[in-house]
C-alpha atoms as a PDB file:
ATOM      1  CA  MET A   1       6.140 -61.317 -25.168  1.00  0.00           C
ATOM      2  CA  SER A   2       8.514 -60.901 -22.240  1.00  0.00           C
ATOM      3  CA  LEU A   3       7.754 -59.103 -18.728  1.00  0.00           C
ATOM      4  CA  THR A   4      10.210 -56.674 -17.918  1.00  0.00           C
ATOM      5  CA  PRO A   5       9.803 -53.653 -15.139  1.00  0.00           C
ATOM      6  CA  LEU A   6      12.165 -51.764 -17.353  1.00  0.00           C
ATOM      7  CA  ALA A   7      12.263 -50.477 -20.957  1.00  0.00           C
ATOM      8  CA  LEU A   8      14.669 -48.228 -22.386  1.00  0.00           C
ATOM      9  CA  ILE A   9      13.703 -45.689 -24.957  1.00  0.00           C
ATOM     10  CA  LEU A  10      15.649 -44.429 -27.922  1.00  0.00           C
ATOM     11  CA  LEU A  11      14.428 -40.799 -28.808  1.00  0.00           C
ATOM     12  CA  ASN A  12      16.620 -40.137 -31.069  1.00  0.00           C
ATOM     13  CA  VAL A  13      17.321 -42.785 -33.215  1.00  0.00           C
ATOM     14  CA  GLN A  14      16.941 -41.769 -36.937  1.00  0.00           C
ATOM     15  CA  ARG A  15      19.292 -41.402 -39.461  1.00  0.00           C
ATOM     16  CA  GLN A  16      18.164 -37.505 -40.043  1.00  0.00           C
ATOM     17  CA  ARG A  17      18.856 -36.917 -36.187  1.00  0.00           C
ATOM     18  CA  LEU A  18      22.028 -39.005 -35.470  1.00  0.00           C
ATOM     19  CA  GLU A  19      24.483 -38.389 -39.075  1.00  0.00           C
ATOM     20  CA  ASP A  20      26.529 -35.682 -39.345  1.00  0.00           C
ATOM     21  CA  GLN A  21      26.681 -34.695 -35.405  1.00  0.00           C
ATOM     22  CA  PRO A  22      29.411 -33.402 -34.397  1.00  0.00           C
ATOM     23  CA  HIS A  23      29.675 -36.441 -31.877  1.00  0.00           C
ATOM     24  CA  GLU A  24      28.125 -38.920 -33.771  1.00  0.00           C
ATOM     25  CA  ARG A  25      30.265 -41.604 -33.109  1.00  0.00           C
ATOM     26  CA  GLU A  26      30.671 -41.340 -29.092  1.00  0.00           C
ATOM     27  CA  VAL A  27      26.897 -40.753 -28.932  1.00  0.00           C
ATOM     28  CA  THR A  28      26.472 -43.956 -31.270  1.00  0.00           C
ATOM     29  CA  ARG A  29      28.791 -46.006 -29.600  1.00  0.00           C
ATOM     30  CA  ASP A  30      27.421 -45.254 -26.009  1.00  0.00           C
ATOM     31  CA  TRP A  31      23.899 -45.656 -26.929  1.00  0.00           C
ATOM     32  CA  ALA A  32      24.768 -49.008 -28.645  1.00  0.00           C
ATOM     33  CA  HIS A  33      26.680 -49.997 -25.530  1.00  0.00           C
ATOM     34  CA  ARG A  34      23.968 -49.195 -23.289  1.00  0.00           C
ATOM     35  CA  VAL A  35      21.617 -50.682 -25.765  1.00  0.00           C
ATOM     36  CA  ASP A  36      23.917 -54.008 -25.239  1.00  0.00           C
ATOM     37  CA  HIS A  37      23.451 -53.873 -21.917  1.00  0.00           C
ATOM     38  CA  ALA A  38      19.993 -53.548 -21.698  1.00  0.00           C
ATOM     39  CA  ARG A  39      19.088 -56.321 -23.839  1.00  0.00           C
ATOM     40  CA  GLU A  40      21.531 -58.110 -21.700  1.00  0.00           C
ATOM     41  CA  GLN A  41      19.592 -57.383 -18.528  1.00  0.00           C
ATOM     42  CA  GLY A  42      16.508 -58.704 -20.421  1.00  0.00           C
ATOM     43  CA  GLN A  43      14.817 -55.108 -20.647  1.00  0.00           C
ATOM     44  CA  LEU A  44      12.620 -53.783 -23.311  1.00  0.00           C
ATOM     45  CA  ILE A  45      14.092 -51.741 -26.040  1.00  0.00           C
ATOM     46  CA  VAL A  46      12.253 -49.021 -27.263  1.00  0.00           C
ATOM     47  CA  MET A  47      13.092 -47.090 -30.614  1.00  0.00           C
ATOM     48  CA  ILE A  48      10.533 -44.483 -31.220  1.00  0.00           C
ATOM     49  CA  GLN A  49      10.400 -43.581 -35.394  1.00  0.00           C
ATOM     50  CA  TRP A  50       9.253 -40.305 -35.817  1.00  0.00           C
ATOM     51  CA  ASP A  51       6.788 -39.943 -38.969  1.00  0.00           C
ATOM     52  CA  GLY A  52       7.169 -36.759 -41.704  1.00  0.00           C
ATOM     53  CA  ALA A  53       4.992 -34.176 -41.762  1.00  0.00           C
ATOM     54  CA  PRO A  54       2.350 -33.492 -44.145  1.00  0.00           C
ATOM     55  CA  GLU A  55       3.099 -33.614 -47.543  1.00  0.00           C
ATOM     56  CA  GLY A  56       4.579 -30.205 -48.084  1.00  0.00           C
ATOM     57  CA  ALA A  57       5.556 -29.394 -44.377  1.00  0.00           C
ATOM     58  CA  SER A  58       8.355 -31.213 -43.584  1.00  0.00           C
ATOM     59  CA  GLY A  59      10.368 -27.888 -42.583  1.00  0.00           C
ATOM     60  CA  GLU A  60      14.462 -27.780 -42.620  1.00  0.00           C
ATOM     61  CA  GLY A  61      17.303 -27.710 -39.916  1.00  0.00           C
ATOM     62  CA  PRO A  62      18.340 -30.320 -37.264  1.00  0.00           C
ATOM     63  CA  HIS A  63      14.670 -30.662 -36.264  1.00  0.00           C
ATOM     64  CA  ALA A  64      12.932 -30.965 -39.323  1.00  0.00           C
ATOM     65  CA  GLU A  65      10.655 -34.104 -40.216  1.00  0.00           C
ATOM     66  CA  PRO A  66      12.330 -36.352 -42.512  1.00  0.00           C
ATOM     67  CA  GLU A  67       9.737 -37.092 -45.198  1.00  0.00           C
ATOM     68  CA  THR A  68       8.353 -40.656 -44.344  1.00  0.00           C
ATOM     69  CA  PHE A  69       9.745 -43.414 -45.838  1.00  0.00           C
ATOM     70  CA  SER A  70      13.481 -41.116 -46.397  1.00  0.00           C
ATOM     71  CA  LYS A  71      16.651 -41.940 -45.864  1.00  0.00           C
ATOM     72  CA  GLY A  72      16.763 -39.649 -43.358  1.00  0.00           C
ATOM     73  CA  TRP A  73      13.744 -41.540 -41.751  1.00  0.00           C
ATOM     74  CA  THR A  74      14.856 -45.264 -41.290  1.00  0.00           C
ATOM     75  CA  LEU A  75      17.053 -45.904 -38.566  1.00  0.00           C
ATOM     76  CA  HIS A  76      20.748 -45.015 -37.717  1.00  0.00           C
ATOM     77  CA  PRO A  77      23.165 -48.112 -39.501  1.00  0.00           C
ATOM     78  CA  ASP A  78      24.336 -48.458 -35.685  1.00  0.00           C
ATOM     79  CA  PHE A  79      20.714 -49.330 -34.627  1.00  0.00           C
ATOM     80  CA  ARG A  80      18.444 -51.953 -35.570  1.00  0.00           C
ATOM     81  CA  ALA A  81      15.137 -53.448 -33.747  1.00  0.00           C
ATOM     82  CA  GLU A  82      15.526 -57.163 -32.858  1.00  0.00           C
ATOM     83  CA  ALA A  83      12.854 -59.816 -31.843  1.00  0.00           C
ATOM     84  CA  GLY A  84      11.807 -58.701 -28.544  1.00  0.00           C
ATOM     85  CA  ASP A  85      12.282 -55.281 -29.463  1.00  0.00           C
ATOM     86  CA  LEU A  86       9.457 -52.440 -29.735  1.00  0.00           C
ATOM     87  CA  LEU A  87       9.773 -50.380 -32.826  1.00  0.00           C
ATOM     88  CA  VAL A  88       6.632 -47.133 -32.378  1.00  0.00           C
ATOM     89  CA  ARG A  89       6.514 -45.090 -35.176  1.00  0.00           C
ATOM     90  CA  ALA A  90       4.824 -41.644 -33.820  1.00  0.00           C
ATOM     91  CA  ARG A  91       4.329 -37.807 -34.699  1.00  0.00           C
ATOM     92  CA  ARG A  92       6.256 -35.154 -33.185  1.00  0.00           C
ATOM     93  CA  PRO A  93       6.390 -34.404 -30.175  1.00  0.00           C
ATOM     94  CA  ASP A  94       4.866 -37.001 -27.972  1.00  0.00           C
ATOM     95  CA  ALA A  95       5.247 -40.764 -28.382  1.00  0.00           C
ATOM     96  CA  PHE A  96       2.771 -41.110 -26.618  1.00  0.00           C
ATOM     97  CA  SER A  97      -0.046 -38.815 -28.234  1.00  0.00           C
ATOM     98  CA  GLY A  98      -1.698 -41.345 -30.825  1.00  0.00           C
ATOM     99  CA  THR A  99       0.221 -44.147 -30.733  1.00  0.00           C
ATOM    100  CA  ASP A 100      -0.350 -47.757 -28.686  1.00  0.00           C
ATOM    101  CA  LEU A 101       2.969 -47.104 -26.547  1.00  0.00           C
ATOM    102  CA  GLU A 102       1.296 -47.311 -23.410  1.00  0.00           C
ATOM    103  CA  ALA A 103      -0.579 -50.465 -23.673  1.00  0.00           C
ATOM    104  CA  GLU A 104       2.803 -52.077 -25.094  1.00  0.00           C
ATOM    105  CA  LEU A 105       4.173 -50.593 -22.317  1.00  0.00           C
ATOM    106  CA  ARG A 106       1.415 -51.646 -19.721  1.00  0.00           C
ATOM    107  CA  ALA A 107       1.339 -55.128 -21.468  1.00  0.00           C
ATOM    108  CA  ARG A 108       4.684 -56.060 -21.197  1.00  0.00           C
ATOM    109  CA  ALA A 109       4.569 -54.724 -17.171  1.00  0.00           C
ATOM    110  CA  VAL A 110       7.104 -52.088 -17.647  1.00  0.00           C
ATOM    111  CA  ARG A 111       6.938 -49.549 -14.801  1.00  0.00           C
ATOM    112  CA  GLU A 112      10.126 -47.477 -15.483  1.00  0.00           C
ATOM    113  CA  LEU A 113      11.501 -45.631 -18.802  1.00  0.00           C
ATOM    114  CA  HIS A 114      15.077 -44.573 -18.869  1.00  0.00           C
ATOM    115  CA  PHE A 115      15.097 -41.846 -22.034  1.00  0.00           C
ATOM    116  CA  LEU A 116      17.932 -42.175 -24.460  1.00  0.00           C
ATOM    117  CA  ALA A 117      17.558 -38.789 -26.415  1.00  0.00           C
ATOM    118  CA  LEU A 118      19.855 -35.890 -27.538  1.00  0.00           C
ATOM    119  CA  PRO A 119      20.168 -32.786 -25.579  1.00  0.00           C
ATOM    120  CA  ASP A 120      18.431 -30.176 -27.879  1.00  0.00           C
ATOM    121  CA  ALA A 121      15.607 -33.125 -28.386  1.00  0.00           C
ATOM    122  CA  PRO A 122      12.238 -31.100 -28.352  1.00  0.00           C
ATOM    123  CA  GLU A 123      10.299 -34.431 -27.903  1.00  0.00           C
ATOM    124  CA  LEU A 124      11.905 -35.337 -24.689  1.00  0.00           C
ATOM    125  CA  ALA A 125      10.067 -33.475 -22.622  1.00  0.00           C
ATOM    126  CA  VAL A 126       6.990 -33.481 -24.037  1.00  0.00           C
ATOM    127  CA  THR A 127       7.697 -37.710 -24.217  1.00  0.00           C
ATOM    128  CA  ALA A 128       8.641 -37.600 -20.668  1.00  0.00           C
ATOM    129  CA  HIS A 129       5.943 -35.770 -19.187  1.00  0.00           C
ATOM    130  CA  SER A 130       3.306 -37.862 -20.671  1.00  0.00           C
ATOM    131  CA  ALA A 131       4.933 -40.772 -19.503  1.00  0.00           C
ATOM    132  CA  ARG A 132       5.115 -39.129 -16.251  1.00  0.00           C
ATOM    133  CA  GLU A 133       0.966 -37.880 -16.305  1.00  0.00           C
ATOM    134  CA  ALA A 134       0.760 -42.102 -17.120  1.00  0.00           C
ATOM    135  CA  GLY A 135       2.580 -43.277 -13.681  1.00  0.00           C
ATOM    136  CA  PHE A 136       5.788 -44.115 -14.975  1.00  0.00           C
ATOM    137  CA  THR A 137       9.374 -43.744 -13.471  1.00  0.00           C
ATOM    138  CA  VAL A 138      11.069 -41.917 -15.704  1.00  0.00           C
ATOM    139  CA  THR A 139      14.560 -41.192 -16.016  1.00  0.00           C
ATOM    140  CA  LEU A 140      16.480 -39.157 -18.602  1.00  0.00           C
ATOM    141  CA  GLU A 141      19.638 -40.183 -20.118  1.00  0.00           C
ATOM    142  CA  VAL A 142      20.504 -37.526 -22.261  1.00  0.00           C
ATOM    143  CA  PRO A 143      24.441 -36.995 -23.281  1.00  0.00           C
ATOM    144  CA  THR A 144      26.747 -34.380 -22.227  1.00  0.00           C
ATOM    145  CA  LEU A 145      28.218 -33.482 -25.532  1.00  0.00           C
ATOM    146  CA  ALA A 146      31.315 -30.862 -25.203  1.00  0.00           C
END
């Protein structure tokens, strides 16, 4: 495990959130470039994989939770966790709640978090707030979609 002061956290990297978005190609290309650059710089890459709702409560719409282990739950094909990356399974809306995310970041000496998320991601505000409350410096990187 390498120590790094900066982590790039992808909050919306699952198929269900990215596929069929009007700007899917632009967003995934931009994020893939950012991930490659972060890896070249030795930064920690964190991918959040949101587990589905309890049985019978998955809901519908763009923010509905895909059933765990369904196609929509898997990572978008343009992204994969590589050796040294951190893949965190969480339940909405807070990636810190009920997970080992904070402990994993502290074990790697991370102090600064850069979040990649879609503009309408309900998880962004809650997770960023928890990160700030835990003492991390937070930067939000949200694409401008026209």
